[in-house]
């Protein structure tokens, strides 16, 4: 006899585990299928910088003991300038964070199966009815949720996934000790999360240093292999080579060493989401994708997408006659656009224009940003074109023309 649940979730990342937490608390019978072995979890999927903000911690009841370091400022660097904004942040021990989500959802009644590699949906009468895993094994459910990230085995087979290769971002990060966080000529990065715009180290992307306590930090970079990357990249240098180049040439790392066993790689898609649901099915987290395109913060959006999916399932299964049709599941998409990433289009366009700019334009941008009031700065960060217009110069006409050309293409 086939097993049946109210919901089956593929993937125990922040989106999948948070969805399981919310559904279990509401009393639903939910099972999560996770590829990794429980004893190793999440060694293979420990891929995030862990940078987030207290609003996420408080909204989702995340304990302080999974935080490596609370920070009090965000710094943006260019090759010759920097901008500091007072902003409380939190750098998570991402592995401990994921383990907490699993443990907490289990305490509320969620079931987990590790060593369970999902390969696709189980179909009945043309609709998804469950999940196929570990070859021929199946589990059935009223609602199937794909939280596997860019792999998206269920969403892809259902034709829901719209992930584009040219929008695929890759990243690498080392945890380092012996980092000089306040050398002459640079911003003081003690208790700070720093993002650097510099094509020498991250062509068509950005690099970062997140302070994690004492003289330790998370150090990494990411970029998208798109037109901006092609314009500024050296063809013979890999992403590992770019990170090593930064470590070799930045004086902050002169006496730094990599902490053994703490190297992380990850990927995500930076694009507008297409379809996110269909009959009996929802895609969440980086399967959608949900990552913020401008600064890469994905944890909070992933958690919100998991919660939006749980709300949708609850609304669909509560009536005496449950309704998990495509129309009912589309409520998730409404919540996503309203609650998860309400200004995604504007932020995507701002991102694409930003990474087209050369290094000297980054210097001028940060100089201009230092002259803006906090309200205008916040509106520009949120994608307000009226606020962004205050940063445009006559010399930017060729850049804007190139941006317009690429948008039309």
Protein backbone atom coordinates (compact mmCIF):
# COMPACT_ATOMS: atom_id res chain seq x y z
CA UNK A 1 0.00 0.00 0.00
CA UNK A 2 1.38 3.41 -1.00
CA UNK A 3 2.29 5.90 1.71
CA UNK A 4 0.29 9.11 1.65
CA UNK A 5 0.86 12.49 3.28
CA UNK A 6 -0.79 15.87 3.18
CA UNK A 7 2.41 17.27 1.70
CA UNK A 8 5.77 15.95 0.53
CA UNK A 9 8.70 18.37 0.29
CA UNK A 10 11.82 17.65 -1.75
CA UNK A 11 14.81 19.34 -0.12
CA UNK A 12 15.66 20.28 3.47
CA UNK A 13 17.18 23.71 2.82
CA UNK A 14 15.85 26.89 4.44
CA UNK A 15 12.78 27.02 2.18
CA UNK A 16 11.87 23.33 2.46
CA UNK A 17 12.55 22.99 6.18
CA UNK A 18 10.69 26.22 7.00
CA UNK A 19 7.71 25.04 4.98
CA UNK A 20 7.80 21.78 6.95
CA UNK A 21 8.00 23.73 10.23
CA UNK A 22 4.90 25.74 9.40
CA UNK A 23 2.88 22.80 8.09
CA UNK A 24 3.78 20.57 11.04
CA UNK A 25 2.76 23.32 13.48
CA UNK A 26 -0.60 23.47 11.74
CA UNK A 27 -1.01 19.74 12.30
CA UNK A 28 -0.45 18.52 8.76
CA UNK A 29 1.20 15.21 7.98
CA UNK A 30 4.33 16.22 6.09
CA UNK A 31 7.46 14.39 4.96
CA UNK A 32 10.71 15.92 3.72
CA UNK A 33 13.02 14.01 1.37
CA UNK A 34 16.69 15.06 1.55
CA UNK A 35 19.50 13.79 -0.66
CA UNK A 36 22.26 14.00 1.94
CA UNK A 37 22.93 11.40 4.62
CA UNK A 38 21.72 12.49 8.04
CA UNK A 39 25.13 11.96 9.66
CA UNK A 40 26.75 14.39 7.19
CA UNK A 41 23.93 16.92 6.84
CA UNK A 42 24.51 19.58 5.65
CA UNK A 43 28.14 19.12 4.60
CA UNK A 44 27.37 19.05 0.88
CA UNK A 45 24.69 21.75 1.00
CA UNK A 46 26.44 24.20 3.35
CA UNK A 47 26.60 26.72 0.53
CA UNK A 48 25.43 30.07 1.88
CA UNK A 49 27.42 33.00 3.23
CA UNK A 50 24.85 33.02 6.01
CA UNK A 51 24.48 36.79 5.86
CA UNK A 52 21.04 37.95 6.96
CA UNK A 53 19.29 40.45 9.23
CA UNK A 54 17.52 40.35 12.61
CA UNK A 55 14.14 40.76 10.90
CA UNK A 56 14.54 37.21 9.57
CA UNK A 57 15.59 35.83 12.95
CA UNK A 58 12.62 37.37 14.75
CA UNK A 59 10.07 36.61 12.03
CA UNK A 60 10.93 32.91 12.02
CA UNK A 61 11.93 32.30 15.62
CA UNK A 62 15.60 31.57 14.91
CA UNK A 63 17.76 31.33 18.07
CA UNK A 64 20.88 33.42 18.58
CA UNK A 65 23.02 30.33 19.07
CA UNK A 66 23.14 29.68 15.30
CA UNK A 67 24.63 33.16 14.73
CA UNK A 68 28.42 33.30 14.36
CA UNK A 69 28.57 37.08 14.65
CA UNK A 70 26.12 39.96 14.98
CA UNK A 71 27.29 42.91 12.90
CA UNK A 72 26.43 46.59 13.17
CA UNK A 73 27.18 47.92 9.69
CA UNK A 74 27.10 47.12 5.99
CA UNK A 75 30.03 48.34 3.89
CA UNK A 76 30.09 48.60 0.09
CA UNK A 77 33.55 48.90 -1.48
CA UNK A 78 34.79 49.81 -4.93
CA UNK A 79 38.46 49.81 -5.91
CA UNK A 80 39.06 53.26 -4.35
CA UNK A 81 35.96 54.22 -2.34
CA UNK A 82 33.64 52.80 0.26
CA UNK A 83 30.22 53.49 1.76
CA UNK A 84 29.29 52.53 5.31
CA UNK A 85 25.69 52.22 6.47
CA UNK A 86 24.63 51.51 10.04
CA UNK A 87 22.60 48.31 9.77
CA UNK A 88 22.41 45.47 12.28
CA UNK A 89 23.10 42.13 10.65
CA UNK A 90 23.76 38.51 11.50
CA UNK A 91 26.27 36.10 9.98
CA UNK A 92 24.89 32.60 10.50
CA UNK A 93 26.64 29.33 11.07
CA UNK A 94 24.71 28.06 8.08
CA UNK A 95 25.12 24.37 8.94
CA UNK A 96 23.88 24.92 12.49
CA UNK A 97 21.01 27.02 11.13
CA UNK A 98 19.85 24.24 8.79
CA UNK A 99 20.19 21.64 11.53
CA UNK A 100 18.01 23.79 13.81
CA UNK A 101 15.26 24.05 11.18
CA UNK A 102 15.21 20.26 10.76
CA UNK A 103 15.23 19.58 14.51
CA UNK A 104 12.53 22.15 15.24
CA UNK A 105 10.21 20.90 12.51
CA UNK A 106 10.71 17.32 13.73
CA UNK A 107 9.71 18.38 17.24
CA UNK A 108 6.48 19.68 15.74
CA UNK A 109 5.79 16.40 13.93
CA UNK A 110 7.44 16.67 10.53
CA UNK A 111 8.95 13.47 9.11
CA UNK A 112 12.39 13.42 7.43
CA UNK A 113 14.00 10.87 5.14
CA UNK A 114 17.68 11.38 4.47
CA UNK A 115 19.60 9.53 1.75
CA UNK A 116 16.50 10.10 -0.37
CA UNK A 117 17.46 11.38 -3.83
CA UNK A 118 14.38 12.72 -5.62
CA UNK A 119 14.29 12.03 -9.35
CA UNK A 120 10.88 13.33 -10.42
CA UNK A 121 7.13 13.42 -9.86
CA UNK A 122 4.69 10.53 -9.68
CA UNK A 123 1.90 11.21 -12.16
CA UNK A 124 -1.71 9.99 -12.05
CA UNK A 125 -4.31 11.00 -14.65
CA UNK A 126 -2.02 13.71 -15.95
CA UNK A 127 -1.47 15.37 -12.57
CA UNK A 128 1.33 15.16 -10.01
CA UNK A 129 0.38 12.80 -7.19
CA UNK A 130 3.66 12.23 -5.40
CA UNK A 131 7.43 11.99 -5.64
CA UNK A 132 9.74 9.33 -7.03
CA UNK A 133 13.03 8.83 -5.20
CA UNK A 134 15.95 6.40 -4.90
CA UNK A 135 15.06 4.70 -8.15
CA UNK A 136 11.62 3.14 -7.86
CA UNK A 137 10.50 4.31 -4.41
CA UNK A 138 7.44 6.54 -4.23
CA UNK A 139 5.62 8.66 -1.69
CA UNK A 140 2.22 10.17 -2.44
CA UNK A 141 0.74 13.43 -1.17
CA UNK A 142 -2.07 15.90 -1.77
CA UNK A 143 0.52 18.61 -2.48
CA UNK A 144 4.10 18.20 -3.76
CA UNK A 145 6.65 20.95 -3.04
CA UNK A 146 9.98 21.22 -4.88
CA UNK A 147 12.64 22.88 -2.70
CA UNK A 148 15.68 21.32 -4.37
CA UNK A 149 17.14 24.56 -5.72
CA UNK A 150 18.51 24.86 -9.29
CA UNK A 151 18.41 21.07 -9.79
CA UNK A 152 14.59 21.27 -9.78
CA UNK A 153 13.92 17.63 -10.79
CA UNK A 154 10.19 17.82 -10.15
CA UNK A 155 9.58 21.33 -11.46
CA UNK A 156 11.62 20.62 -14.60
CA UNK A 157 9.70 17.47 -15.46
CA UNK A 158 6.41 19.28 -14.91
CA UNK A 159 7.51 22.11 -17.21
CA UNK A 160 7.24 24.65 -14.37
CA UNK A 161 10.94 25.48 -14.09
CA UNK A 162 12.05 28.43 -16.22
CA UNK A 163 15.69 28.63 -15.07
CA UNK A 164 17.96 30.09 -17.77
CA UNK A 165 21.61 29.03 -18.22
CA UNK A 166 22.75 32.57 -18.97
CA UNK A 167 21.29 33.67 -15.62
CA UNK A 168 23.22 31.08 -13.61
CA UNK A 169 25.42 32.59 -10.88
CA UNK A 170 28.25 30.65 -9.26
CA UNK A 171 30.04 31.44 -6.03
CA UNK A 172 32.91 30.26 -3.85
CA UNK A 173 33.73 31.13 -0.24
CA UNK A 174 36.50 30.35 2.24
CA UNK A 175 36.33 30.79 5.98
CA UNK A 176 39.60 32.51 6.90
CA UNK A 177 41.59 33.21 10.07
CA UNK A 178 44.20 35.92 10.53
CA UNK A 179 42.33 38.49 8.43
CA UNK A 180 43.37 42.11 9.00
CA UNK A 181 39.98 43.78 9.36
CA UNK A 182 41.22 47.35 9.74
CA UNK A 183 44.37 48.06 7.69
CA UNK A 184 45.39 51.54 6.56
CA UNK A 185 43.51 52.72 3.49
CA UNK A 186 40.53 50.40 3.90
CA UNK A 187 37.22 50.52 5.77
CA UNK A 188 37.15 49.06 9.27
CA UNK A 189 35.36 45.72 8.81
CA UNK A 190 35.11 44.76 12.47
CA UNK A 191 31.48 43.81 13.11
CA UNK A 192 30.64 44.45 9.45
CA UNK A 193 29.40 42.70 6.34
CA UNK A 194 31.26 44.07 3.31
CA UNK A 195 30.38 43.75 -0.38
CA UNK A 196 32.96 44.79 -2.99
CA UNK A 197 32.21 45.88 -6.57
CA UNK A 198 35.43 45.27 -8.46
CA UNK A 199 35.76 43.53 -11.83
CA UNK A 200 39.37 42.64 -11.07
CA UNK A 201 38.18 40.13 -8.48
CA UNK A 202 34.54 39.45 -9.43
CA UNK A 203 33.87 40.34 -13.09
CA UNK A 204 30.17 41.04 -13.51
CA UNK A 205 29.51 40.28 -9.84
CA UNK A 206 30.75 41.11 -6.36
CA UNK A 207 33.05 39.88 -3.61
CA UNK A 208 32.56 39.92 0.14
CA UNK A 209 34.14 39.82 3.58
CA UNK A 210 31.77 38.98 6.47
CA UNK A 211 33.31 39.30 9.92
CA UNK A 212 32.66 36.16 11.99
CA UNK A 213 34.48 37.06 15.20
CA UNK A 214 38.01 37.97 16.37
CA UNK A 215 40.25 37.84 13.26
CA UNK A 216 38.04 35.41 11.27
CA UNK A 217 35.81 36.13 8.31
CA UNK A 218 33.90 34.56 5.46
CA UNK A 219 35.61 35.63 2.22
CA UNK A 220 34.19 34.90 -1.21
CA UNK A 221 32.92 36.07 -4.56
CA UNK A 222 30.27 35.29 -7.14
CA UNK A 223 29.37 36.28 -10.67
CA UNK A 224 27.05 35.39 -13.53
CA UNK A 225 28.60 34.14 -16.74
CA UNK A 226 26.75 36.72 -18.84
CA UNK A 227 27.62 39.75 -21.02
CA UNK A 228 29.02 41.71 -18.07
CA UNK A 229 31.27 38.80 -17.14
CA UNK A 230 32.45 38.35 -20.73
CA UNK A 231 33.30 42.04 -20.95
CA UNK A 232 35.55 42.11 -17.88
CA UNK A 233 36.76 38.54 -17.33
CA UNK A 234 40.07 36.93 -18.15
CA UNK A 235 39.23 33.84 -20.15
CA UNK A 236 41.93 31.68 -18.57
CA UNK A 237 40.95 32.39 -14.94
CA UNK A 238 38.42 30.20 -13.10
CA UNK A 239 36.31 31.34 -10.17
CA UNK A 240 38.85 29.65 -7.88
CA UNK A 241 41.55 31.63 -9.65
CA UNK A 242 39.73 34.91 -9.07
CA UNK A 243 39.37 34.22 -5.35
CA UNK A 244 43.05 33.24 -5.11
CA UNK A 245 44.01 36.41 -7.00
CA UNK A 246 42.12 38.48 -4.42
CA UNK A 247 43.74 36.64 -1.53
CA UNK A 248 47.17 37.15 -3.12
CA UNK A 249 46.83 40.89 -3.79
CA UNK A 250 44.68 42.35 -0.99
CA UNK A 251 46.80 43.26 2.09
CA UNK A 252 43.98 42.24 4.40
CA UNK A 253 44.84 38.62 3.62
CA UNK A 254 48.64 38.88 3.83
CA UNK A 255 48.78 36.79 7.02
CA UNK A 256 45.44 35.01 6.63
CA UNK A 257 44.98 31.25 6.32
CA UNK A 258 42.03 29.19 5.16
CA UNK A 259 40.26 27.30 7.94
CA UNK A 260 40.52 23.64 6.95
CA UNK A 261 37.31 22.01 5.82
CA UNK A 262 35.44 25.32 5.54
CA UNK A 263 35.21 25.93 1.81
CA UNK A 264 31.76 26.45 0.31
CA UNK A 265 30.51 26.47 -3.28
CA UNK A 266 27.06 27.35 -4.45
CA UNK A 267 24.95 28.47 -7.36
CA UNK A 268 21.66 30.18 -7.99
CA UNK A 269 19.78 31.80 -10.83
CA UNK A 270 19.41 35.58 -10.94
CA UNK A 271 16.25 36.14 -12.94
CA UNK A 272 12.57 36.90 -12.79
CA UNK A 273 10.56 33.80 -11.83
CA UNK A 274 8.17 32.37 -14.34
CA UNK A 275 5.49 29.85 -13.45
CA UNK A 276 5.79 28.64 -9.85
CA UNK A 277 2.86 26.26 -9.41
CA UNK A 278 0.39 23.97 -11.09
CA UNK A 279 -2.14 21.32 -10.02
CA UNK A 280 -1.07 19.87 -6.64
CA UNK A 281 2.39 21.44 -6.94
CA UNK A 282 4.44 24.42 -5.71
CA UNK A 283 8.10 25.36 -6.32
CA UNK A 284 9.88 27.32 -3.58
CA UNK A 285 13.30 28.75 -2.62
CA UNK A 286 16.00 28.70 -5.28
CA UNK A 287 13.87 26.41 -7.44
CA UNK A 288 11.84 29.52 -8.30
CA UNK A 289 14.36 31.37 -7.82
CA UNK A 290 13.89 33.69 -4.84
CA UNK A 291 17.36 35.17 -4.24
CA UNK A 292 17.67 38.96 -4.13
CA UNK A 293 19.38 39.85 -7.43
CA UNK A 294 21.21 42.95 -6.25
CA UNK A 295 23.14 41.76 -3.18
CA UNK A 296 22.51 38.02 -3.25
CA UNK A 297 20.68 37.73 0.09
CA UNK A 298 18.69 34.54 -0.28
CA UNK A 299 17.96 33.19 3.19
CA UNK A 300 15.15 35.56 4.13
CA UNK A 301 13.41 35.24 0.76
CA UNK A 302 13.75 31.45 0.89
CA UNK A 303 12.15 31.35 4.34
CA UNK A 304 9.34 33.63 3.20
CA UNK A 305 8.70 31.47 0.14
CA UNK A 306 8.49 28.37 2.35
CA UNK A 307 5.99 30.13 4.57
CA UNK A 308 3.95 31.32 1.58
CA UNK A 309 3.76 27.73 0.34
CA UNK A 310 2.61 26.51 3.78
CA UNK A 311 -0.11 29.19 3.87
CA UNK A 312 -1.26 28.10 0.41
CA UNK A 313 -1.38 24.42 1.41
CA UNK A 314 -3.27 25.28 4.58
CA UNK A 315 -5.81 27.34 2.67
CA UNK A 316 -6.25 24.57 0.09
CA UNK A 317 -6.61 21.64 2.50
CA UNK A 318 -8.72 23.30 5.23
CA UNK A 319 -12.15 23.25 3.51
CA UNK A 320 -14.39 20.20 3.79
CA UNK A 321 -13.73 19.70 0.10
CA UNK A 322 -9.97 20.37 -0.33
CA UNK A 323 -8.96 22.14 -3.52
CA UNK A 324 -5.40 21.67 -4.79
CA UNK A 325 -6.12 22.69 -8.38
CA UNK A 326 -3.79 24.94 -10.32
CA UNK A 327 -6.10 27.85 -9.53
CA UNK A 328 -5.87 27.19 -5.80
CA UNK A 329 -2.10 26.69 -5.89
CA UNK A 330 -1.72 29.99 -7.78
CA UNK A 331 -2.44 31.77 -4.50
CA UNK A 332 1.21 31.00 -3.70
CA UNK A 333 2.31 33.09 -6.67
CA UNK A 334 0.17 35.99 -5.45
CA UNK A 335 1.81 35.76 -2.03
CA UNK A 336 5.27 35.45 -3.60
CA UNK A 337 4.95 38.64 -5.61
CA UNK A 338 3.38 40.50 -2.67
CA UNK A 339 5.41 39.19 0.29
CA UNK A 340 8.59 37.44 -0.90
CA UNK A 341 10.03 39.74 -3.59
CA UNK A 342 7.58 42.55 -4.41
CA UNK A 343 10.06 44.66 -6.45
CA UNK A 344 11.87 41.90 -8.28
CA UNK A 345 11.59 43.47 -11.76
CA UNK A 346 13.07 46.80 -10.68
CA UNK A 347 15.88 45.17 -8.70
CA UNK A 348 16.75 42.90 -11.62
CA UNK A 349 17.07 45.85 -14.00
CA UNK A 350 19.13 47.77 -11.44
CA UNK A 351 21.41 44.74 -11.02
CA UNK A 352 21.96 44.33 -14.74
CA UNK A 353 22.78 48.01 -15.17
CA UNK A 354 25.08 48.03 -12.12
CA UNK A 355 27.25 45.14 -13.24
CA UNK A 356 27.71 46.65 -16.70
CA UNK A 357 29.54 49.62 -15.17
CA UNK A 358 33.37 49.74 -15.22
CA UNK A 359 35.45 50.04 -12.06
CA UNK A 360 35.94 53.81 -12.28
CA UNK A 361 32.16 54.22 -12.42
CA UNK A 362 31.89 52.18 -9.22
CA UNK A 363 34.20 54.68 -7.53
CA UNK A 364 32.05 57.59 -8.66
CA UNK A 365 28.88 55.74 -7.67
CA UNK A 366 30.05 55.26 -4.09
CA UNK A 367 31.20 58.86 -3.91
CA UNK A 368 27.70 59.91 -5.00
CA UNK A 369 26.02 57.50 -2.59
CA UNK A 370 27.98 59.02 0.29
CA UNK A 371 26.28 62.32 -0.54
CA UNK A 372 22.72 61.00 -0.50
CA UNK A 373 20.39 61.24 2.48
CA UNK A 374 19.29 57.96 4.07
CA UNK A 375 15.76 58.10 2.66
CA UNK A 376 16.91 58.55 -0.95
CA UNK A 377 19.55 55.87 -0.48
CA UNK A 378 16.92 53.42 0.79
CA UNK A 379 14.62 54.19 -2.14
CA UNK A 380 17.45 53.69 -4.64
CA UNK A 381 18.28 50.33 -3.05
CA UNK A 382 14.64 49.33 -3.42
CA UNK A 383 14.72 50.09 -7.14
CA UNK A 384 13.11 53.55 -7.25
CA UNK A 385 14.08 54.96 -10.64
CA UNK A 386 13.41 58.50 -9.42
CA UNK A 387 16.01 57.99 -6.68
CA UNK A 388 18.40 56.23 -9.06
CA UNK A 389 18.13 59.17 -11.49
CA UNK A 390 20.00 61.28 -8.92
CA UNK A 391 23.02 59.05 -9.49
CA UNK A 392 23.03 59.32 -13.30
CA UNK A 393 25.66 61.50 -15.04
CA UNK A 394 25.98 62.71 -18.63
CA UNK A 395 28.99 60.39 -19.00
CA UNK A 396 26.64 57.45 -18.38
CA UNK A 397 24.88 57.79 -21.76
CA UNK A 398 26.97 55.03 -23.44
CA UNK A 399 26.39 52.74 -20.47
CA UNK A 400 22.64 53.41 -20.56
CA UNK A 401 22.60 52.80 -24.31
CA UNK A 402 24.35 49.47 -23.83
CA UNK A 403 21.89 48.56 -21.07
CA UNK A 404 18.92 49.47 -23.31
CA UNK A 405 20.37 47.41 -26.15
CA UNK A 406 20.74 44.35 -23.94
CA UNK A 407 17.23 44.80 -22.54
CA UNK A 408 15.79 44.89 -26.04
CA UNK A 409 17.80 41.83 -27.00
